[in-house]
Protein backbone atom coordinates (compact mmCIF):
# COMPACT_ATOMS: atom_id res chain seq x y z
CA MET A 1 113.55 102.93 93.27
CA LYS A 2 112.42 100.41 95.87
CA LEU A 3 108.79 99.45 96.55
CA ILE A 4 108.12 97.51 99.76
CA PRO A 5 104.66 96.43 100.98
CA ILE A 6 104.20 97.27 104.66
CA ILE A 7 101.47 95.40 106.58
CA ALA A 8 100.13 97.67 109.30
CA ASP A 9 97.14 95.67 110.54
CA ASN A 10 94.81 92.77 109.85
CA PHE A 11 91.14 93.02 110.77
CA LYS A 12 87.65 92.09 109.58
CA LEU A 13 84.72 93.88 107.99
CA ASP A 14 81.20 92.87 107.13
CA GLY A 15 81.25 91.16 103.73
CA GLY A 16 78.00 92.71 102.62
CA ALA A 17 79.26 96.20 103.35
CA CYS A 18 82.38 95.51 101.28
CA PHE A 19 80.33 94.69 98.16
CA GLY A 20 77.31 96.96 98.46
CA VAL A 21 74.28 95.90 96.46
CA VAL A 22 75.94 92.71 95.18
CA PRO A 23 74.28 89.77 97.03
CA LYS A 24 76.25 87.32 99.13
CA SER A 25 75.24 84.52 96.75
CA LEU A 26 77.58 86.19 94.23
CA TRP A 27 80.44 87.68 96.24
CA SER A 28 80.82 84.59 98.44
CA ARG A 29 82.02 82.68 95.36
CA TYR A 30 85.23 84.72 95.50
CA VAL A 31 85.87 85.51 99.18
CA GLU A 32 85.14 83.49 102.30
CA ALA A 33 83.09 84.92 105.16
CA ASP A 34 83.04 83.62 108.73
CA GLU A 35 79.95 82.73 110.78
CA ASN A 36 79.37 86.44 111.47
CA ASN A 37 79.56 87.35 107.76
CA MET A 38 82.94 89.02 108.37
CA ILE A 39 85.75 88.81 105.82
CA LYS A 40 89.50 89.22 106.35
CA ILE A 41 90.94 92.64 105.50
CA THR A 42 94.52 93.87 105.59
CA ASN A 43 96.04 97.33 105.73
CA ARG A 44 98.82 96.94 103.18
CA CYS A 45 100.66 100.25 103.07
CA LEU A 46 103.45 100.90 100.58
CA LEU A 47 106.94 102.25 101.15
CA VAL A 48 108.42 104.03 98.12
CA ASP A 49 112.17 104.67 98.38
CA THR A 50 113.16 106.91 95.48
CA GLY A 51 116.72 107.42 96.69
CA SER A 52 116.07 111.02 97.65
CA LYS A 53 112.72 110.44 99.36
CA VAL A 54 111.33 107.67 101.55
CA ILE A 55 107.57 107.87 101.05
CA LEU A 56 104.97 105.94 103.01
CA ILE A 57 101.46 105.64 101.56
CA ASP A 58 98.83 105.34 104.33
CA THR A 59 99.45 104.31 107.92
CA GLY A 60 96.81 101.79 108.98
CA LEU A 61 94.69 101.77 112.13
CA GLY A 62 97.26 102.75 114.73
CA ARG A 63 96.59 101.75 118.32
CA LYS A 64 95.02 104.87 119.90
CA GLN A 65 91.47 103.64 120.20
CA SER A 66 90.03 101.47 122.99
CA GLN A 67 90.10 97.70 123.10
CA ASP A 68 86.33 97.73 122.63
CA PHE A 69 86.85 99.55 119.35
CA PHE A 70 89.39 97.02 118.09
CA ASP A 71 87.20 94.13 119.23
CA TYR A 72 84.48 95.48 116.96
CA PHE A 73 86.85 95.12 114.01
CA TYR A 74 88.18 91.70 115.08
CA LEU A 75 91.82 92.82 114.93
CA PHE A 76 93.98 89.73 114.50
CA GLY A 77 97.64 88.82 114.02
CA ASP A 78 100.67 90.63 115.38
CA ASP A 79 101.53 92.91 112.44
CA THR A 80 102.01 96.58 113.27
CA LEU A 81 103.20 99.48 111.15
CA GLU A 82 106.42 100.00 113.07
CA LYS A 83 107.31 96.30 113.21
CA SER A 84 106.75 95.92 109.48
CA LEU A 85 108.85 98.99 108.73
CA ASN A 86 111.65 97.63 110.92
CA LYS A 87 111.41 94.24 109.21
CA ALA A 88 111.88 96.04 105.88
CA GLY A 89 114.99 97.76 107.26
CA TYR A 90 113.52 101.20 107.96
CA THR A 91 112.64 103.25 111.01
CA THR A 92 109.88 105.80 111.45
CA ASN A 93 112.48 108.58 111.53
CA GLN A 94 113.62 107.73 107.99
CA ILE A 95 110.26 108.49 106.43
CA THR A 96 110.41 111.83 104.61
CA ASP A 97 106.86 111.97 103.23
CA VAL A 98 103.55 110.38 104.22
CA ILE A 99 100.81 110.39 101.58
CA LEU A 100 97.39 109.85 103.16
CA THR A 101 94.94 108.61 100.55
CA HIS A 102 92.16 109.89 102.82
CA LEU A 103 91.46 110.39 106.51
CA HIS A 104 89.22 107.47 107.43
CA PHE A 105 90.54 105.88 110.61
CA ASP A 106 91.96 102.76 108.95
CA HIS A 107 94.18 104.84 106.66
CA VAL A 108 95.44 107.59 108.96
CA GLY A 109 95.29 106.09 112.47
CA GLY A 110 98.95 105.09 112.47
CA ALA A 111 100.16 108.62 111.70
CA VAL A 112 99.68 109.82 115.28
CA LYS A 113 100.17 108.03 118.61
CA TRP A 114 99.62 108.89 122.25
CA ALA A 115 102.76 110.07 124.02
CA GLU A 116 103.63 107.64 126.80
CA ASP A 117 104.18 110.27 129.48
CA ASN A 118 101.03 112.40 129.23
CA ASN A 119 98.61 110.85 126.71
CA THR A 120 98.90 113.78 124.31
CA PRO A 121 99.07 113.27 120.54
CA GLU A 122 102.51 112.76 119.05
CA LEU A 123 103.42 112.43 115.37
CA VAL A 124 104.81 109.00 114.56
CA PHE A 125 106.90 110.19 111.60
CA LYS A 126 108.64 113.16 113.16
CA ASN A 127 110.81 114.01 110.16
CA ALA A 128 108.08 113.65 107.54
CA THR A 129 105.79 116.01 105.73
CA TYR A 130 102.25 114.65 105.50
CA TYR A 131 99.93 115.11 102.51
CA CYS A 132 96.21 114.74 101.87
CA SER A 133 93.75 116.56 99.66
CA LYS A 134 92.31 119.82 100.91
CA ALA A 135 88.81 118.59 100.05
CA GLN A 136 89.30 115.50 102.21
CA TYR A 137 90.56 117.50 105.18
CA GLU A 138 87.58 119.79 105.02
CA SER A 139 85.26 116.76 104.81
CA ALA A 140 86.97 115.22 107.84
CA LEU A 141 86.54 118.37 109.90
CA ASN A 142 82.87 118.67 108.95
CA PRO A 143 81.79 115.13 108.13
CA ASN A 144 78.47 114.17 106.63
CA PRO A 145 76.32 111.77 108.72
CA ARG A 146 77.32 108.81 106.56
CA GLU A 147 81.05 109.23 107.20
CA LYS A 148 81.05 110.74 110.68
CA ALA A 149 81.99 107.48 112.42
CA SER A 150 85.05 107.09 110.16
CA TYR A 151 86.80 110.29 111.25
CA PHE A 152 88.63 110.74 114.55
CA ARG A 153 90.07 114.22 114.91
CA GLU A 154 93.00 112.97 116.99
CA ASN A 155 94.20 111.10 113.89
CA PHE A 156 94.75 114.17 111.72
CA VAL A 157 94.23 117.51 113.49
CA PRO A 158 97.55 117.16 115.41
CA ILE A 159 99.37 116.87 112.07
CA PHE A 160 97.83 120.12 110.88
CA GLU A 161 98.48 121.86 114.19
CA ALA A 162 102.14 120.79 114.05
CA GLY A 163 102.47 122.53 110.66
CA LYS A 164 103.33 119.22 109.02
CA LEU A 165 100.28 118.77 106.79
CA LYS A 166 100.29 119.98 103.20
CA PHE A 167 97.27 119.95 100.92
CA ILE A 168 96.99 118.61 97.39
CA ASP A 169 94.23 120.27 95.40
CA SER A 170 94.24 118.40 92.09
CA ASP A 171 95.92 115.73 89.96
CA CYS A 172 99.64 116.40 89.98
CA ASN A 173 103.19 115.09 89.82
CA PHE A 174 104.29 114.52 93.43
CA CYS A 175 107.93 113.86 92.59
CA PRO A 176 109.80 112.22 89.70
CA GLY A 177 108.16 108.87 89.05
CA VAL A 178 105.22 109.44 91.41
CA ASP A 179 101.91 110.97 90.30
CA ILE A 180 98.69 111.67 92.16
CA GLU A 181 95.07 111.53 91.02
CA ILE A 182 92.00 112.68 92.97
CA LYS A 183 88.79 110.61 93.13
CA ASN A 184 85.50 111.48 94.82
CA GLY A 185 83.20 108.44 94.83
CA HIS A 186 84.38 106.70 97.99
CA THR A 187 84.95 109.98 99.80
CA ASN A 188 85.56 113.55 98.76
CA GLY A 189 89.14 114.06 97.58
CA GLN A 190 90.54 110.54 97.90
CA ILE A 191 94.08 110.23 96.53
CA ILE A 192 95.37 107.36 94.41
CA VAL A 193 99.09 107.15 93.72
CA LEU A 194 100.68 106.07 90.42
CA ILE A 195 104.32 104.99 90.51
CA ASP A 196 106.70 104.35 87.62
CA TYR A 197 108.54 101.14 88.49
CA LYS A 198 110.65 98.88 86.27
CA GLY A 199 108.88 100.04 83.14
CA LYS A 200 105.43 99.51 84.66
CA LYS A 201 102.86 101.81 86.26
CA ILE A 202 101.96 100.65 89.78
CA ALA A 203 98.63 102.06 90.97
CA TYR A 204 98.05 102.20 94.72
CA MET A 205 94.33 101.65 94.99
CA GLY A 206 93.49 102.60 98.58
CA ASP A 207 89.71 102.43 98.88
CA PHE A 208 89.21 103.32 95.22
CA ILE A 209 89.32 99.60 94.36
CA ALA A 210 89.85 98.00 97.74
CA ALA A 211 90.36 94.40 96.61
CA ILE A 212 90.51 92.29 93.49
CA GLN A 213 86.85 91.33 93.99
CA ASN A 214 85.88 95.02 93.70
CA ILE A 215 87.12 95.33 90.11
CA PRO A 216 83.74 94.59 88.40
CA LEU A 217 81.80 97.84 88.13
CA PRO A 218 78.79 96.91 90.34
CA TYR A 219 81.02 95.72 93.22
CA VAL A 220 81.04 99.12 94.94
CA PRO A 221 81.29 99.04 98.76
CA ALA A 222 78.41 100.34 100.83
CA TYR A 223 80.96 102.67 102.44
CA ASP A 224 81.20 104.82 99.28
CA VAL A 225 79.37 108.12 99.68
CA LEU A 226 78.66 108.47 95.95
CA PRO A 227 78.40 104.96 94.47
CA LEU A 228 77.40 106.10 90.98
CA VAL A 229 80.40 108.42 90.88
CA SER A 230 82.53 105.49 92.07
CA MET A 231 81.31 103.39 89.15
CA HIS A 232 81.98 106.15 86.64
CA GLU A 233 85.47 106.82 88.03
CA LYS A 234 86.27 103.12 88.15
CA GLU A 235 85.14 102.51 84.57
CA GLU A 236 87.32 105.32 83.20
CA PHE A 237 90.30 104.25 85.27
CA LEU A 238 90.07 100.53 84.48
CA ASN A 239 89.81 101.15 80.73
CA ARG A 240 92.89 103.34 80.91
CA ALA A 241 94.66 100.85 83.15
CA VAL A 242 94.06 97.83 80.91
CA ASN A 243 95.09 99.79 77.81
CA ASN A 244 98.34 100.89 79.45
CA ASP A 245 99.15 97.67 81.32
CA TYR A 246 98.91 99.11 84.83
CA ILE A 247 99.51 96.90 87.84
CA LEU A 248 97.00 97.45 90.65
CA PHE A 249 98.35 97.34 94.22
CA PHE A 250 95.62 96.51 96.74
CA GLU A 251 95.63 98.04 100.20
CA HIS A 252 92.83 95.95 101.70
CA ASP A 253 92.89 92.63 99.83
CA PHE A 254 94.01 90.05 102.40
CA ASP A 255 94.90 87.39 99.82
CA ASN A 256 96.08 89.33 96.76
CA GLU A 257 98.79 91.98 96.73
CA CYS A 258 98.69 93.00 93.06
CA CYS A 259 97.27 92.09 89.70
CA ASN A 260 97.31 93.18 86.11
CA LEU A 261 94.19 93.38 83.97
CA LYS A 262 92.53 92.03 80.87
CA GLN A 263 89.53 93.05 78.79
CA THR A 264 86.71 90.47 78.69
CA PRO A 265 83.19 90.40 77.22
CA LYS A 266 81.94 91.31 80.72
CA GLY A 267 84.34 94.21 81.10
CA VAL A 268 87.78 94.64 82.66
CA ARG A 269 88.79 91.82 84.98
CA HIS A 270 91.95 90.75 86.77
CA ASN A 271 94.46 88.74 84.76
CA GLU A 272 97.53 87.57 86.69
CA ILE A 273 97.94 87.71 90.48
CA LEU A 274 101.29 89.38 91.18
CA LYS A 275 103.60 90.55 93.94
CA ILE A 276 105.84 93.61 93.89
CA GLU A 277 108.92 91.52 94.56
CA GLY A 278 108.29 89.51 91.38
CA ILE A 279 107.96 92.48 89.02
């Protein structure tokens, strides 16, 4: 099995929103904010080549929205999903499966693009089957007021209409060596992916634990629709993860790709900063 991080985009978000009720006087000790209180965020997708499947987890922002939209998120750098795939030695046509942790625009935007000839939606991964949870798809079609601005129908409805979207209803084995769990604190039916790799369990965190600074229980983003559920889910998961020596793979942490964990008097915390290539 091969695991290859794929950088789709780099952008910025408000630091306060990323840490919820935790004050800047605390979170700023660990992550630097600019003069606008924005912090650097990455969309670090993951390519999982099992030999029989080439799986991509999440697809980043894409480039369908207006320049005004991207200016709002301070998009920076020249990384794109397709360029990063090509750099890793893969093309979009080689992807057999796309697992979408959830359908917020920064996770699904790269799954669909505008066709050059007529500005109609076109699937980026033409040979792939796409997956998300049924609960998340229903939430995206009928969003609550808190999440409404995070869902763009052009990002996911074309996948369904093309007959390429399959739903996952509960925790399951996706394929040999790849398992799926469903979480509901950040958004209804978010998927996290657990991968058996070189004797370790690699956990793709998505927005469940977006960055290493979000590991402490109170550090729940303001984006989460059910923050108390997030804390409960995170506590259970982190205790299991530290007991079983999981490695956390961070989708949004600009500086840190992975870490393992340790138990401390203040709860579970990160231990070593790691990279997939060094495992």
